[in-house]
Amino acid sequence: MTLSSLRSGAPQWSRDAIPVTIATQALEGPDGNLYVATYGRGIYRTAS
């Protein structure tokens, strides 16, 4: 998933990038990565 796909409303997740769970928050970090907080699975990061 990229930040632009999230902004367009059409994010595409890869199963190896984030588990099937509830994402509670997605933020662009100061390092340019997209950080996603999940319920009970931790925080995941991907290049935005």
N, C-alpha and C. Protein backbone atom coordinates (compact mmCIF):
# COMPACT_ATOMS: atom_id res chain seq x y z
N MET A 1 0.85 -1.17 0.00
CA MET A 1 0.00 0.00 0.00
C MET A 1 0.89 1.23 0.00
N THR A 2 0.48 2.22 -0.72
CA THR A 2 1.22 3.48 -0.75
C THR A 2 0.34 4.57 -0.18
N LEU A 3 0.97 5.67 0.18
CA LEU A 3 0.21 6.80 0.71
C LEU A 3 -0.74 7.35 -0.34
N SER A 4 -0.31 7.39 -1.60
CA SER A 4 -1.19 7.91 -2.66
C SER A 4 -2.41 7.02 -2.86
N SER A 5 -2.25 5.69 -2.75
CA SER A 5 -3.41 4.80 -2.89
C SER A 5 -4.36 4.95 -1.70
N LEU A 6 -3.82 5.23 -0.53
CA LEU A 6 -4.66 5.47 0.64
C LEU A 6 -5.45 6.76 0.46
N ARG A 7 -4.79 7.80 -0.03
CA ARG A 7 -5.47 9.09 -0.26
C ARG A 7 -6.54 8.98 -1.33
N SER A 8 -6.33 8.15 -2.34
CA SER A 8 -7.31 8.01 -3.43
C SER A 8 -8.50 7.15 -3.03
N GLY A 9 -8.39 6.48 -1.89
CA GLY A 9 -9.48 5.63 -1.43
C GLY A 9 -9.45 4.23 -2.01
N ALA A 10 -8.33 3.84 -2.62
CA ALA A 10 -8.21 2.51 -3.22
C ALA A 10 -6.92 1.83 -2.79
N PRO A 11 -6.70 1.64 -1.48
CA PRO A 11 -5.46 1.00 -1.05
C PRO A 11 -5.44 -0.48 -1.41
N GLN A 12 -4.28 -0.99 -1.78
CA GLN A 12 -4.08 -2.39 -2.09
C GLN A 12 -3.04 -2.94 -1.12
N TRP A 13 -3.46 -3.82 -0.22
CA TRP A 13 -2.55 -4.40 0.76
C TRP A 13 -1.98 -5.71 0.23
N SER A 14 -0.76 -5.97 0.55
CA SER A 14 -0.14 -7.25 0.28
C SER A 14 -0.27 -8.09 1.55
N ARG A 15 -0.64 -9.35 1.43
CA ARG A 15 -0.82 -10.18 2.61
C ARG A 15 0.46 -10.33 3.43
N ASP A 16 1.61 -10.20 2.79
CA ASP A 16 2.84 -10.33 3.56
C ASP A 16 3.23 -9.01 4.23
N ALA A 17 2.53 -7.92 3.93
CA ALA A 17 2.87 -6.62 4.51
C ALA A 17 2.11 -6.36 5.81
N ILE A 18 0.88 -6.83 5.91
CA ILE A 18 0.07 -6.59 7.12
C ILE A 18 -0.89 -7.76 7.29
N PRO A 19 -1.08 -8.23 8.52
CA PRO A 19 -2.00 -9.35 8.72
C PRO A 19 -3.45 -8.90 8.56
N VAL A 20 -4.33 -9.87 8.38
CA VAL A 20 -5.76 -9.56 8.30
C VAL A 20 -6.21 -9.20 9.71
N THR A 21 -6.44 -7.92 9.94
CA THR A 21 -6.84 -7.42 11.25
C THR A 21 -7.42 -6.03 11.08
N ILE A 22 -7.81 -5.41 12.14
CA ILE A 22 -8.36 -4.05 12.10
C ILE A 22 -7.22 -3.05 12.20
N ALA A 23 -7.16 -2.15 11.21
CA ALA A 23 -6.19 -1.05 11.26
C ALA A 23 -6.87 0.13 11.95
N THR A 24 -6.30 0.59 13.05
CA THR A 24 -6.93 1.66 13.82
C THR A 24 -6.43 3.04 13.44
N GLN A 25 -5.26 3.12 12.83
CA GLN A 25 -4.71 4.42 12.46
C GLN A 25 -3.62 4.24 11.41
N ALA A 26 -3.57 5.15 10.44
CA ALA A 26 -2.52 5.15 9.42
C ALA A 26 -1.96 6.56 9.34
N LEU A 27 -0.64 6.67 9.49
CA LEU A 27 0.03 7.97 9.48
C LEU A 27 1.27 7.93 8.61
N GLU A 28 1.56 9.04 7.96
CA GLU A 28 2.83 9.17 7.25
C GLU A 28 3.85 9.69 8.24
N GLY A 29 4.95 8.95 8.39
CA GLY A 29 5.99 9.34 9.33
C GLY A 29 6.95 10.36 8.74
N PRO A 30 7.76 10.98 9.58
CA PRO A 30 8.72 11.99 9.12
C PRO A 30 9.80 11.40 8.21
N ASP A 31 9.94 10.07 8.23
CA ASP A 31 10.92 9.39 7.38
C ASP A 31 10.34 8.99 6.02
N GLY A 32 9.08 9.35 5.75
CA GLY A 32 8.46 9.04 4.48
C GLY A 32 7.76 7.69 4.43
N ASN A 33 7.82 6.93 5.51
CA ASN A 33 7.13 5.64 5.56
C ASN A 33 5.70 5.82 6.04
N LEU A 34 4.83 4.88 5.67
CA LEU A 34 3.46 4.86 6.15
C LEU A 34 3.41 3.89 7.32
N TYR A 35 2.92 4.35 8.46
CA TYR A 35 2.81 3.53 9.66
C TYR A 35 1.35 3.22 9.92
N VAL A 36 1.05 1.93 10.17
CA VAL A 36 -0.32 1.50 10.40
C VAL A 36 -0.38 0.80 11.75
N ALA A 37 -1.22 1.33 12.64
CA ALA A 37 -1.44 0.71 13.94
C ALA A 37 -2.60 -0.27 13.80
N THR A 38 -2.43 -1.47 14.34
CA THR A 38 -3.47 -2.49 14.25
C THR A 38 -3.95 -2.84 15.66
N TYR A 39 -5.11 -3.42 15.70
CA TYR A 39 -5.67 -3.83 16.98
C TYR A 39 -5.11 -5.20 17.35
N GLY A 40 -4.22 -5.23 18.31
CA GLY A 40 -3.67 -6.48 18.81
C GLY A 40 -2.54 -7.09 18.00
N ARG A 41 -2.10 -6.46 16.91
CA ARG A 41 -1.04 -7.04 16.08
C ARG A 41 0.20 -6.15 15.97
N GLY A 42 0.17 -4.99 16.59
CA GLY A 42 1.34 -4.12 16.57
C GLY A 42 1.26 -3.05 15.51
N ILE A 43 2.40 -2.45 15.22
CA ILE A 43 2.51 -1.38 14.26
C ILE A 43 3.31 -1.87 13.07
N TYR A 44 2.80 -1.62 11.88
CA TYR A 44 3.46 -2.02 10.64
C TYR A 44 3.90 -0.81 9.87
N ARG A 45 4.94 -0.97 9.06
CA ARG A 45 5.49 0.13 8.29
C ARG A 45 5.68 -0.32 6.85
N THR A 46 5.43 0.60 5.93
CA THR A 46 5.66 0.33 4.51
C THR A 46 6.10 1.62 3.85
N ALA A 47 6.85 1.52 2.78
CA ALA A 47 7.28 2.72 2.05
C ALA A 47 6.05 3.39 1.44
N SER A 48 5.98 4.69 1.55
CA SER A 48 4.80 5.39 1.04
C SER A 48 5.01 5.93 -0.36
